[in-house]
C-alpha cells in the first residue's frame, strides 16, 4: 500500500476513520445493496468489488489496525503541500496554505459532520507545515469569515468557506493540493 497506489477505504465507504464497527457494517450493507451487480438500476460490479474489499479490511479489527497505520501515513503524504526543499513563505506559499486549510476543513465537514473541526496540530501534521507558518493563513481565513476558531482551539469551515472551496474546485479541475515530491495525489483533495 504505497502512497502512490493507496486506496482510502474510509472514503470509499464514506465514513470517518473513527467510525465504530457497527457503523462500518451498516454503511457497507447500504452501499452494497445500491451497487450490487444484481441491482438493475444502480448496480456496478467494480464499485461493489471495491466496497467489499474495503469492508473486508475495515470490518476485521486486526486488519483495520494494520490498515490505519498505512492510512495515517498516506493521508500525511497526500495533504502535504510543500516539498521539504521548497520555501513555506511568500505569496504563492500563503495561497497554497490557505487552500490546503480550506480543503482539509471542507473534507472534514463532508466526511465527519458530527466532529467537523481540525486542531492546529493536525494541520501541522497533514500539511507538513509548522504552526508558525500556519498562523497567518488561519488569521486571514478567520478574519475573512471562511473559518471559525472554537473556544477549545479547534477550527471549522464556515458557509462562506464552503462556497470558496467549491468555487475554487469548479475553476480548477486539478486537486487543490499537491503531494510531496510534486506528484498529484491519487484522489482529488475535495469531492464536489
N, C-alpha and C. Protein backbone atom coordinates (compact mmCIF):
# COMPACT_ATOMS: atom_id res chain seq x y z
N UNK A 1 0.83 -1.19 0.00
CA UNK A 1 0.00 0.00 0.00
C UNK A 1 0.87 1.25 0.00
N UNK A 2 1.62 1.46 -1.04
CA UNK A 2 2.41 2.66 -1.12
C UNK A 2 1.52 3.86 -1.33
N UNK A 3 2.05 5.05 -1.08
CA UNK A 3 1.21 6.25 -1.17
C UNK A 3 0.71 6.49 -2.58
N UNK A 4 1.46 6.01 -3.61
CA UNK A 4 1.02 6.22 -4.98
C UNK A 4 -0.22 5.41 -5.32
N UNK A 5 -0.30 4.15 -4.79
CA UNK A 5 -1.43 3.30 -5.10
C UNK A 5 -2.36 3.09 -3.93
N UNK A 6 -2.27 3.93 -2.94
CA UNK A 6 -3.07 3.77 -1.73
C UNK A 6 -4.53 4.04 -2.01
N UNK A 7 -5.39 3.16 -1.53
CA UNK A 7 -6.84 3.33 -1.68
C UNK A 7 -7.41 3.65 -0.32
N UNK A 8 -8.15 4.74 -0.23
CA UNK A 8 -8.74 5.16 1.05
C UNK A 8 -10.08 4.45 1.23
N UNK A 9 -10.06 3.38 2.00
CA UNK A 9 -11.28 2.61 2.24
C UNK A 9 -12.32 3.41 3.02
N UNK A 10 -11.88 4.32 3.86
CA UNK A 10 -12.83 5.14 4.61
C UNK A 10 -13.62 6.03 3.65
N UNK A 11 -12.93 6.63 2.70
CA UNK A 11 -13.63 7.45 1.71
C UNK A 11 -14.53 6.59 0.83
N UNK A 12 -14.05 5.41 0.48
CA UNK A 12 -14.84 4.52 -0.36
C UNK A 12 -16.17 4.19 0.32
N UNK A 13 -16.12 3.94 1.63
CA UNK A 13 -17.34 3.65 2.38
C UNK A 13 -18.03 4.91 2.89
N UNK A 14 -17.41 6.07 2.64
CA UNK A 14 -17.98 7.37 3.04
C UNK A 14 -18.20 7.45 4.55
N UNK A 15 -17.18 7.00 5.30
CA UNK A 15 -17.27 7.03 6.75
C UNK A 15 -16.01 7.68 7.33
N UNK A 16 -16.09 8.07 8.58
CA UNK A 16 -14.95 8.63 9.30
C UNK A 16 -14.00 7.51 9.71
N UNK A 17 -12.71 7.79 9.79
CA UNK A 17 -11.77 6.79 10.32
C UNK A 17 -12.07 6.44 11.79
N UNK A 18 -12.88 7.23 12.44
CA UNK A 18 -13.24 6.97 13.83
C UNK A 18 -14.54 6.17 13.96
N UNK A 19 -15.12 5.77 12.83
CA UNK A 19 -16.40 5.05 12.84
C UNK A 19 -16.24 3.71 13.57
N UNK A 20 -17.26 3.37 14.36
CA UNK A 20 -17.22 2.10 15.06
C UNK A 20 -17.62 0.97 14.11
N UNK A 21 -17.42 -0.27 14.57
CA UNK A 21 -17.66 -1.44 13.73
C UNK A 21 -19.12 -1.53 13.27
N UNK A 22 -20.04 -1.16 14.13
CA UNK A 22 -21.47 -1.18 13.77
C UNK A 22 -21.74 -0.24 12.59
N UNK A 23 -21.12 0.93 12.60
CA UNK A 23 -21.29 1.89 11.51
C UNK A 23 -20.70 1.33 10.22
N UNK A 24 -19.53 0.70 10.31
CA UNK A 24 -18.91 0.09 9.13
C UNK A 24 -19.86 -0.93 8.52
N UNK A 25 -20.45 -1.80 9.36
CA UNK A 25 -21.39 -2.82 8.87
C UNK A 25 -22.62 -2.19 8.23
N UNK A 26 -23.20 -1.20 8.92
CA UNK A 26 -24.43 -0.57 8.44
C UNK A 26 -24.22 0.13 7.10
N UNK A 27 -23.16 0.92 7.00
CA UNK A 27 -22.89 1.66 5.76
C UNK A 27 -22.56 0.70 4.63
N UNK A 28 -21.79 -0.35 4.93
CA UNK A 28 -21.48 -1.32 3.88
C UNK A 28 -22.75 -1.97 3.34
N UNK A 29 -23.65 -2.37 4.22
CA UNK A 29 -24.89 -3.01 3.76
C UNK A 29 -25.68 -2.10 2.83
N UNK A 30 -25.75 -0.81 3.19
CA UNK A 30 -26.49 0.15 2.36
C UNK A 30 -25.83 0.30 0.99
N UNK A 31 -24.50 0.51 0.99
CA UNK A 31 -23.79 0.72 -0.27
C UNK A 31 -23.73 -0.56 -1.11
N UNK A 32 -23.57 -1.71 -0.44
CA UNK A 32 -23.53 -2.98 -1.17
C UNK A 32 -24.86 -3.24 -1.86
N UNK A 33 -25.94 -2.92 -1.20
CA UNK A 33 -27.26 -3.09 -1.82
C UNK A 33 -27.39 -2.18 -3.04
N UNK A 34 -26.91 -0.95 -2.92
CA UNK A 34 -27.00 0.01 -4.02
C UNK A 34 -26.17 -0.42 -5.22
N UNK A 35 -24.95 -0.92 -4.98
CA UNK A 35 -24.03 -1.21 -6.09
C UNK A 35 -23.94 -2.69 -6.46
N UNK A 36 -24.73 -3.53 -5.82
CA UNK A 36 -24.70 -4.96 -6.13
C UNK A 36 -24.99 -5.17 -7.61
N UNK A 37 -24.25 -6.04 -8.27
CA UNK A 37 -24.46 -6.25 -9.71
C UNK A 37 -25.88 -6.68 -10.08
N UNK A 38 -26.61 -7.28 -9.15
CA UNK A 38 -27.99 -7.69 -9.43
C UNK A 38 -28.97 -6.51 -9.42
N UNK A 39 -28.54 -5.37 -8.91
CA UNK A 39 -29.41 -4.19 -8.88
C UNK A 39 -29.44 -3.60 -10.29
N UNK A 40 -30.58 -3.69 -10.93
CA UNK A 40 -30.73 -3.27 -12.33
C UNK A 40 -30.51 -1.77 -12.53
N UNK A 41 -30.89 -0.96 -11.54
CA UNK A 41 -30.83 0.50 -11.69
C UNK A 41 -29.45 1.08 -11.36
N UNK A 42 -28.85 0.63 -10.26
CA UNK A 42 -27.61 1.27 -9.81
C UNK A 42 -26.45 0.29 -9.66
N UNK A 43 -26.59 -0.94 -10.12
CA UNK A 43 -25.54 -1.93 -9.98
C UNK A 43 -24.25 -1.53 -10.68
N UNK A 44 -23.13 -1.83 -10.03
CA UNK A 44 -21.81 -1.51 -10.58
C UNK A 44 -20.84 -2.57 -10.02
N UNK A 45 -20.47 -3.52 -10.86
CA UNK A 45 -19.66 -4.65 -10.42
C UNK A 45 -18.33 -4.21 -9.82
N UNK A 46 -17.63 -3.29 -10.49
CA UNK A 46 -16.32 -2.84 -10.00
C UNK A 46 -16.45 -2.11 -8.67
N UNK A 47 -17.41 -1.22 -8.58
CA UNK A 47 -17.63 -0.47 -7.33
C UNK A 47 -18.01 -1.43 -6.20
N UNK A 48 -18.83 -2.42 -6.49
CA UNK A 48 -19.22 -3.42 -5.50
C UNK A 48 -18.00 -4.20 -5.01
N UNK A 49 -17.11 -4.58 -5.94
CA UNK A 49 -15.90 -5.31 -5.58
C UNK A 49 -15.02 -4.45 -4.66
N UNK A 50 -14.88 -3.17 -4.98
CA UNK A 50 -14.08 -2.26 -4.15
C UNK A 50 -14.69 -2.10 -2.76
N UNK A 51 -16.00 -1.93 -2.69
CA UNK A 51 -16.68 -1.79 -1.41
C UNK A 51 -16.49 -3.04 -0.55
N UNK A 52 -16.59 -4.21 -1.18
CA UNK A 52 -16.43 -5.46 -0.46
C UNK A 52 -15.02 -5.60 0.09
N UNK A 53 -14.02 -5.20 -0.69
CA UNK A 53 -12.64 -5.23 -0.21
C UNK A 53 -12.46 -4.28 0.97
N UNK A 54 -13.02 -3.06 0.85
CA UNK A 54 -12.93 -2.10 1.95
C UNK A 54 -13.60 -2.66 3.21
N UNK A 55 -14.74 -3.27 3.05
CA UNK A 55 -15.46 -3.85 4.19
C UNK A 55 -14.67 -5.00 4.80
N UNK A 56 -14.06 -5.83 3.96
CA UNK A 56 -13.27 -6.96 4.44
C UNK A 56 -12.15 -6.48 5.36
N UNK A 57 -11.49 -5.39 4.98
CA UNK A 57 -10.38 -4.86 5.77
C UNK A 57 -10.88 -4.11 7.00
N UNK A 58 -11.83 -3.19 6.81
CA UNK A 58 -12.29 -2.35 7.93
C UNK A 58 -13.20 -3.11 8.90
N UNK A 59 -13.78 -4.21 8.46
CA UNK A 59 -14.66 -4.99 9.31
C UNK A 59 -13.92 -5.97 10.21
N UNK A 60 -12.63 -6.12 9.99
CA UNK A 60 -11.81 -7.03 10.79
C UNK A 60 -10.85 -6.19 11.64
N UNK A 61 -10.94 -6.34 12.96
CA UNK A 61 -10.18 -5.48 13.88
C UNK A 61 -8.68 -5.52 13.62
N UNK A 62 -8.13 -6.70 13.39
CA UNK A 62 -6.68 -6.82 13.19
C UNK A 62 -6.25 -6.18 11.86
N UNK A 63 -6.99 -6.47 10.80
CA UNK A 63 -6.66 -5.88 9.50
C UNK A 63 -6.85 -4.36 9.52
N UNK A 64 -7.88 -3.92 10.23
CA UNK A 64 -8.14 -2.48 10.30
C UNK A 64 -7.01 -1.76 11.02
N UNK A 65 -6.51 -2.34 12.09
CA UNK A 65 -5.41 -1.71 12.83
C UNK A 65 -4.18 -1.55 11.94
N UNK A 66 -3.85 -2.58 11.17
CA UNK A 66 -2.72 -2.50 10.25
C UNK A 66 -3.00 -1.47 9.15
N UNK A 67 -4.22 -1.46 8.64
CA UNK A 67 -4.59 -0.50 7.60
C UNK A 67 -4.51 0.93 8.12
N UNK A 68 -4.94 1.15 9.36
CA UNK A 68 -4.94 2.50 9.93
C UNK A 68 -3.54 3.11 9.98
N UNK A 69 -2.53 2.28 10.21
CA UNK A 69 -1.15 2.78 10.21
C UNK A 69 -0.81 3.31 8.81
N UNK A 70 -1.10 2.52 7.79
CA UNK A 70 -0.83 2.94 6.41
C UNK A 70 -1.71 4.13 6.02
N UNK A 71 -2.93 4.16 6.51
CA UNK A 71 -3.87 5.24 6.19
C UNK A 71 -3.35 6.57 6.73
N UNK A 72 -2.88 6.57 7.96
CA UNK A 72 -2.33 7.81 8.54
C UNK A 72 -1.15 8.34 7.74
N UNK A 73 -0.26 7.45 7.34
CA UNK A 73 0.91 7.87 6.57
C UNK A 73 0.49 8.38 5.18
N UNK A 74 -0.42 7.68 4.54
CA UNK A 74 -0.88 8.11 3.21
C UNK A 74 -1.57 9.46 3.29
N UNK A 75 -2.39 9.68 4.31
CA UNK A 75 -3.05 10.99 4.49
C UNK A 75 -2.02 12.09 4.70
N UNK A 76 -1.03 11.80 5.51
CA UNK A 76 0.00 12.80 5.78
C UNK A 76 0.71 13.18 4.48
N UNK A 77 1.04 12.20 3.65
CA UNK A 77 1.72 12.49 2.38
C UNK A 77 0.79 13.18 1.39
N UNK A 78 -0.47 12.77 1.35
CA UNK A 78 -1.41 13.34 0.38
C UNK A 78 -1.66 14.81 0.66
N UNK A 79 -1.77 15.17 1.92
CA UNK A 79 -2.12 16.54 2.26
C UNK A 79 -0.93 17.47 2.31
N UNK A 80 0.26 16.92 2.25
CA UNK A 80 1.46 17.74 2.34
C UNK A 80 1.52 18.67 1.13
N UNK A 81 1.58 19.97 1.37
CA UNK A 81 1.53 20.91 0.25
C UNK A 81 2.89 21.46 -0.14
N UNK A 82 3.91 21.13 0.64
CA UNK A 82 5.24 21.63 0.34
C UNK A 82 6.24 20.50 0.33
N UNK A 83 7.08 20.49 -0.68
CA UNK A 83 8.24 19.63 -0.69
C UNK A 83 9.17 20.17 0.39
N UNK A 84 9.91 19.31 1.04
CA UNK A 84 10.80 19.76 2.12
C UNK A 84 11.80 20.81 1.64
N UNK A 85 12.17 20.75 0.36
CA UNK A 85 13.17 21.68 -0.13
C UNK A 85 12.58 23.02 -0.55
N UNK A 86 11.25 23.11 -0.66
CA UNK A 86 10.66 24.37 -1.12
C UNK A 86 10.36 25.30 0.06
N UNK A 87 10.32 26.55 -0.21
CA UNK A 87 10.06 27.55 0.83
C UNK A 87 8.60 27.50 1.25
N UNK A 88 8.34 27.86 2.51
CA UNK A 88 6.96 27.88 3.01
C UNK A 88 6.51 29.31 3.25
N UNK A 89 7.18 30.25 2.62
CA UNK A 89 6.78 31.65 2.78
C UNK A 89 6.69 32.30 1.41
N UNK A 90 6.03 33.44 1.37
CA UNK A 90 5.81 34.14 0.12
C UNK A 90 4.34 34.08 -0.25
N UNK A 91 3.97 34.87 -1.23
CA UNK A 91 2.56 34.99 -1.62
C UNK A 91 1.99 33.67 -2.11
N UNK A 92 2.70 32.99 -3.02
CA UNK A 92 2.18 31.72 -3.54
C UNK A 92 2.08 30.66 -2.44
N UNK A 93 3.05 30.63 -1.56
CA UNK A 93 3.01 29.68 -0.45
C UNK A 93 1.81 29.97 0.46
N UNK A 94 1.54 31.24 0.71
CA UNK A 94 0.38 31.60 1.54
C UNK A 94 -0.91 31.15 0.89
N UNK A 95 -1.03 31.36 -0.41
CA UNK A 95 -2.24 30.93 -1.12
C UNK A 95 -2.41 29.42 -1.03
N UNK A 96 -1.31 28.67 -1.21
CA UNK A 96 -1.39 27.20 -1.12
C UNK A 96 -1.78 26.77 0.29
N UNK A 97 -1.22 27.43 1.29
CA UNK A 97 -1.56 27.07 2.68
C UNK A 97 -3.04 27.33 2.94
N UNK A 98 -3.55 28.48 2.49
CA UNK A 98 -4.97 28.78 2.72
C UNK A 98 -5.86 27.78 2.01
N UNK A 99 -5.53 27.44 0.77
CA UNK A 99 -6.32 26.44 0.04
C UNK A 99 -6.21 25.07 0.70
N UNK A 100 -5.03 24.76 1.22
CA UNK A 100 -4.85 23.50 1.93
C UNK A 100 -5.71 23.42 3.17
N UNK A 101 -5.73 24.49 3.93
CA UNK A 101 -6.55 24.54 5.14
C UNK A 101 -8.02 24.41 4.79
N UNK A 102 -8.47 25.17 3.78
CA UNK A 102 -9.88 25.08 3.37
C UNK A 102 -10.22 23.69 2.86
N UNK A 103 -9.32 23.08 2.11
CA UNK A 103 -9.56 21.73 1.59
C UNK A 103 -9.73 20.72 2.72
N UNK A 104 -8.86 20.81 3.69
CA UNK A 104 -8.95 19.89 4.83
C UNK A 104 -10.26 20.07 5.59
N UNK A 105 -10.60 21.33 5.87
CA UNK A 105 -11.82 21.61 6.62
C UNK A 105 -13.07 21.23 5.82
N UNK A 106 -13.04 21.45 4.52
CA UNK A 106 -14.17 21.07 3.66
C UNK A 106 -14.37 19.56 3.71
N UNK A 107 -13.29 18.82 3.52
CA UNK A 107 -13.39 17.36 3.52
C UNK A 107 -13.81 16.85 4.90
N UNK A 108 -13.27 17.46 5.94
CA UNK A 108 -13.62 17.04 7.30
C UNK A 108 -15.11 17.26 7.56
N UNK A 109 -15.64 18.41 7.14
CA UNK A 109 -17.07 18.71 7.31
C UNK A 109 -17.91 17.70 6.53
N UNK A 110 -17.46 17.37 5.33
CA UNK A 110 -18.18 16.45 4.46
C UNK A 110 -18.16 15.02 5.01
N UNK A 111 -17.00 14.59 5.48
CA UNK A 111 -16.83 13.20 5.90
C UNK A 111 -17.23 12.94 7.35
N UNK A 112 -17.16 13.96 8.19
CA UNK A 112 -17.42 13.76 9.62
C UNK A 112 -18.21 14.94 10.17
N UNK A 113 -19.48 15.09 9.75
CA UNK A 113 -20.25 16.28 10.15
C UNK A 113 -20.49 16.38 11.66
N UNK A 114 -20.37 15.28 12.39
CA UNK A 114 -20.56 15.32 13.84
C UNK A 114 -19.36 15.97 14.54
N UNK A 115 -18.19 15.85 13.93
CA UNK A 115 -16.96 16.42 14.51
C UNK A 115 -16.18 17.10 13.38
N UNK A 116 -16.67 18.23 12.88
CA UNK A 116 -16.09 18.84 11.67
C UNK A 116 -14.88 19.73 11.91
N UNK A 117 -14.22 19.59 13.03
CA UNK A 117 -13.12 20.50 13.35
C UNK A 117 -11.77 19.82 13.16
N UNK A 118 -10.74 20.68 13.07
CA UNK A 118 -9.35 20.23 12.97
C UNK A 118 -8.53 21.12 13.89
N UNK A 119 -7.62 20.52 14.62
CA UNK A 119 -6.76 21.28 15.52
C UNK A 119 -5.53 21.79 14.78
N UNK A 120 -4.86 22.75 15.36
CA UNK A 120 -3.64 23.29 14.77
C UNK A 120 -2.59 22.19 14.59
N UNK A 121 -2.50 21.32 15.56
CA UNK A 121 -1.53 20.22 15.47
C UNK A 121 -1.84 19.31 14.28
N UNK A 122 -3.12 19.03 14.05
CA UNK A 122 -3.50 18.20 12.91
C UNK A 122 -3.14 18.90 11.59
N UNK A 123 -3.36 20.22 11.53
CA UNK A 123 -2.96 20.96 10.33
C UNK A 123 -1.46 20.81 10.10
N UNK A 124 -0.68 20.94 11.16
CA UNK A 124 0.78 20.80 11.05
C UNK A 124 1.14 19.45 10.45
N UNK A 125 0.56 18.39 11.00
CA UNK A 125 0.88 17.03 10.56
C UNK A 125 0.42 16.78 9.13
N UNK A 126 -0.81 17.17 8.81
CA UNK A 126 -1.36 16.87 7.50
C UNK A 126 -0.76 17.71 6.37
N UNK A 127 -0.49 18.96 6.66
CA UNK A 127 0.04 19.85 5.63
C UNK A 127 1.57 19.85 5.59
N UNK A 128 2.19 19.33 6.64
CA UNK A 128 3.64 19.32 6.69
C UNK A 128 4.23 20.71 6.84
N UNK A 129 3.51 21.58 7.55
CA UNK A 129 3.92 22.97 7.74
C UNK A 129 3.90 23.27 9.24
N UNK A 130 4.96 23.88 9.78
CA UNK A 130 4.95 24.21 11.20
C UNK A 130 3.89 25.25 11.55
N UNK A 131 3.43 25.21 12.80
CA UNK A 131 2.34 26.09 13.21
C UNK A 131 2.66 27.56 13.02
N UNK A 132 3.93 27.93 13.17
CA UNK A 132 4.31 29.33 12.99
C UNK A 132 4.03 29.81 11.56
N UNK A 133 4.08 28.87 10.62
CA UNK A 133 3.82 29.22 9.22
C UNK A 133 2.33 29.13 8.88
N UNK A 134 1.54 28.58 9.78
CA UNK A 134 0.10 28.46 9.56
C UNK A 134 -0.69 29.59 10.21
N UNK A 135 -0.10 30.25 11.19
CA UNK A 135 -0.84 31.23 11.97
C UNK A 135 -1.38 32.39 11.13
N UNK A 136 -0.58 32.90 10.19
CA UNK A 136 -1.06 34.00 9.35
C UNK A 136 -2.21 33.53 8.47
N UNK A 137 -2.06 32.34 7.87
CA UNK A 137 -3.12 31.81 7.00
C UNK A 137 -4.42 31.62 7.77
N UNK A 138 -4.32 31.07 8.98
CA UNK A 138 -5.52 30.88 9.79
C UNK A 138 -6.14 32.21 10.20
N UNK A 139 -5.30 33.18 10.53
CA UNK A 139 -5.81 34.51 10.87
C UNK A 139 -6.56 35.09 9.67
N UNK A 140 -5.97 35.01 8.49
CA UNK A 140 -6.59 35.55 7.28
C UNK A 140 -7.95 34.89 7.02
N UNK A 141 -7.98 33.57 7.09
CA UNK A 141 -9.23 32.84 6.83
C UNK A 141 -10.29 33.16 7.88
N UNK A 142 -9.86 33.34 9.13
CA UNK A 142 -10.80 33.68 10.19
C UNK A 142 -11.35 35.09 9.99
N UNK A 143 -10.49 36.05 9.71
CA UNK A 143 -10.93 37.43 9.51
C UNK A 143 -11.80 37.57 8.27
N UNK A 144 -11.59 36.72 7.28
CA UNK A 144 -12.39 36.74 6.05
C UNK A 144 -13.69 35.95 6.23
N UNK A 145 -13.88 35.39 7.41
CA UNK A 145 -15.07 34.61 7.76
C UNK A 145 -15.22 33.34 6.94
N UNK A 146 -14.07 32.75 6.56
CA UNK A 146 -14.07 31.45 5.87
C UNK A 146 -13.90 30.31 6.88
N UNK A 147 -13.32 30.64 8.03
CA UNK A 147 -13.02 29.66 9.07
C UNK A 147 -13.38 30.26 10.42
N UNK A 148 -13.82 29.41 11.33
CA UNK A 148 -14.08 29.83 12.70
C UNK A 148 -13.15 29.06 13.62
N UNK A 149 -12.76 29.70 14.70
CA UNK A 149 -11.96 29.03 15.73
C UNK A 149 -12.85 28.91 16.96
N UNK A 150 -13.01 27.70 17.44
CA UNK A 150 -13.86 27.47 18.60
C UNK A 150 -13.11 27.83 19.88
N UNK A 151 -13.82 27.85 20.99
CA UNK A 151 -13.22 28.19 22.28
C UNK A 151 -12.11 27.22 22.68
N UNK A 152 -12.21 25.99 22.23
CA UNK A 152 -11.20 25.00 22.60
C UNK A 152 -10.08 24.89 21.55
N UNK A 153 -9.96 25.88 20.67
CA UNK A 153 -8.85 25.94 19.73
C UNK A 153 -8.99 25.09 18.48
N UNK A 154 -10.17 24.60 18.22
CA UNK A 154 -10.40 23.80 17.02
C UNK A 154 -10.95 24.70 15.93
N UNK A 155 -10.63 24.36 14.68
CA UNK A 155 -11.05 25.18 13.55
C UNK A 155 -12.09 24.44 12.72
N UNK A 156 -13.11 25.19 12.27
CA UNK A 156 -14.15 24.63 11.41
C UNK A 156 -14.35 25.57 10.23
N UNK A 157 -14.85 25.01 9.14
CA UNK A 157 -15.14 25.80 7.95
C UNK A 157 -16.52 26.43 8.09
N UNK A 158 -16.68 27.64 7.58
CA UNK A 158 -17.98 28.33 7.61
C UNK A 158 -18.68 28.13 6.27
N UNK A 159 -19.89 28.63 6.18
CA UNK A 159 -20.63 28.57 4.93
C UNK A 159 -19.88 29.30 3.82
N UNK A 160 -19.33 30.46 4.15
CA UNK A 160 -18.54 31.22 3.16
C UNK A 160 -17.31 30.42 2.73
N UNK A 161 -16.71 29.70 3.68
CA UNK A 161 -15.54 28.87 3.37
C UNK A 161 -15.89 27.73 2.43
N UNK A 162 -17.05 27.11 2.66
CA UNK A 162 -17.51 26.04 1.76
C UNK A 162 -17.72 26.60 0.35
N UNK A 163 -18.37 27.76 0.27
CA UNK A 163 -18.59 28.38 -1.04
C UNK A 163 -17.27 28.65 -1.75
N UNK A 164 -16.29 29.17 -1.03
CA UNK A 164 -14.99 29.46 -1.63
C UNK A 164 -14.29 28.18 -2.08
N UNK A 165 -14.32 27.16 -1.25
CA UNK A 165 -13.69 25.88 -1.61
C UNK A 165 -14.32 25.31 -2.87
N UNK A 166 -15.65 25.33 -2.94
CA UNK A 166 -16.33 24.79 -4.11
C UNK A 166 -16.08 25.63 -5.36
N UNK A 167 -16.04 26.93 -5.20
CA UNK A 167 -15.74 27.82 -6.34
C UNK A 167 -14.33 27.54 -6.85
N UNK A 168 -13.40 27.36 -5.94
CA UNK A 168 -12.02 27.06 -6.34
C UNK A 168 -11.95 25.73 -7.08
N UNK A 169 -12.68 24.74 -6.62
CA UNK A 169 -12.69 23.44 -7.29
C UNK A 169 -13.31 23.53 -8.67
N UNK A 170 -14.36 24.32 -8.82
CA UNK A 170 -15.02 24.46 -10.12
C UNK A 170 -14.08 25.09 -11.14
N UNK A 171 -13.27 26.04 -10.69
CA UNK A 171 -12.35 26.73 -11.59
C UNK A 171 -11.16 25.87 -11.97
N UNK A 172 -10.78 24.98 -11.09
CA UNK A 172 -9.58 24.18 -11.30
C UNK A 172 -9.92 22.71 -11.27
N UNK A 173 -9.81 22.00 -12.40
CA UNK A 173 -10.14 20.58 -12.40
C UNK A 173 -9.11 19.73 -11.71
N UNK A 174 -7.94 20.30 -11.37
CA UNK A 174 -6.91 19.54 -10.68
C UNK A 174 -7.11 19.68 -9.19
N UNK A 175 -6.59 18.75 -8.40
CA UNK A 175 -6.73 18.84 -6.95
C UNK A 175 -6.17 20.15 -6.42
N UNK A 176 -6.76 20.63 -5.31
CA UNK A 176 -6.34 21.90 -4.73
C UNK A 176 -4.97 21.79 -4.07
N UNK A 177 -4.55 20.59 -3.71
CA UNK A 177 -3.27 20.41 -3.06
C UNK A 177 -2.40 19.50 -3.90
N UNK A 178 -1.11 19.58 -3.67
CA UNK A 178 -0.20 18.66 -4.32
C UNK A 178 0.45 17.80 -3.25
N UNK A 179 0.81 16.61 -3.63
CA UNK A 179 1.50 15.74 -2.68
C UNK A 179 2.97 16.13 -2.66
N UNK A 180 3.70 15.58 -1.71
CA UNK A 180 5.13 15.86 -1.67
C UNK A 180 5.77 15.31 -2.92
N UNK A 181 6.93 15.79 -3.24
CA UNK A 181 7.68 15.43 -4.42
C UNK A 181 6.99 15.83 -5.71
N UNK A 182 6.03 16.75 -5.65
CA UNK A 182 5.41 17.29 -6.85
C UNK A 182 4.45 16.36 -7.55
N UNK A 183 4.09 15.22 -6.97
CA UNK A 183 3.17 14.29 -7.60
C UNK A 183 1.74 14.63 -7.22
N UNK A 184 0.82 14.37 -8.10
CA UNK A 184 -0.58 14.59 -7.81
C UNK A 184 -1.08 13.41 -6.98
N UNK A 185 -1.89 13.67 -5.97
CA UNK A 185 -2.45 12.57 -5.20
C UNK A 185 -3.38 11.73 -6.06
N UNK A 186 -3.57 10.48 -5.65
CA UNK A 186 -4.39 9.57 -6.43
C UNK A 186 -5.84 10.02 -6.51
N UNK A 187 -6.38 10.54 -5.43
CA UNK A 187 -7.75 11.03 -5.43
C UNK A 187 -7.72 12.54 -5.35
N UNK A 188 -8.82 13.16 -5.76
CA UNK A 188 -8.88 14.61 -5.64
C UNK A 188 -8.98 14.99 -4.18
N UNK A 189 -8.58 16.18 -3.88
CA UNK A 189 -8.49 16.62 -2.49
C UNK A 189 -9.86 16.82 -1.88
N UNK A 190 -10.77 17.40 -2.63
CA UNK A 190 -12.12 17.60 -2.10
C UNK A 190 -13.10 17.06 -3.11
N UNK A 191 -14.10 16.40 -2.62
CA UNK A 191 -15.13 15.86 -3.51
C UNK A 191 -16.26 16.86 -3.63
N UNK A 192 -16.72 17.08 -4.83
CA UNK A 192 -17.79 18.05 -5.04
C UNK A 192 -19.12 17.43 -5.21
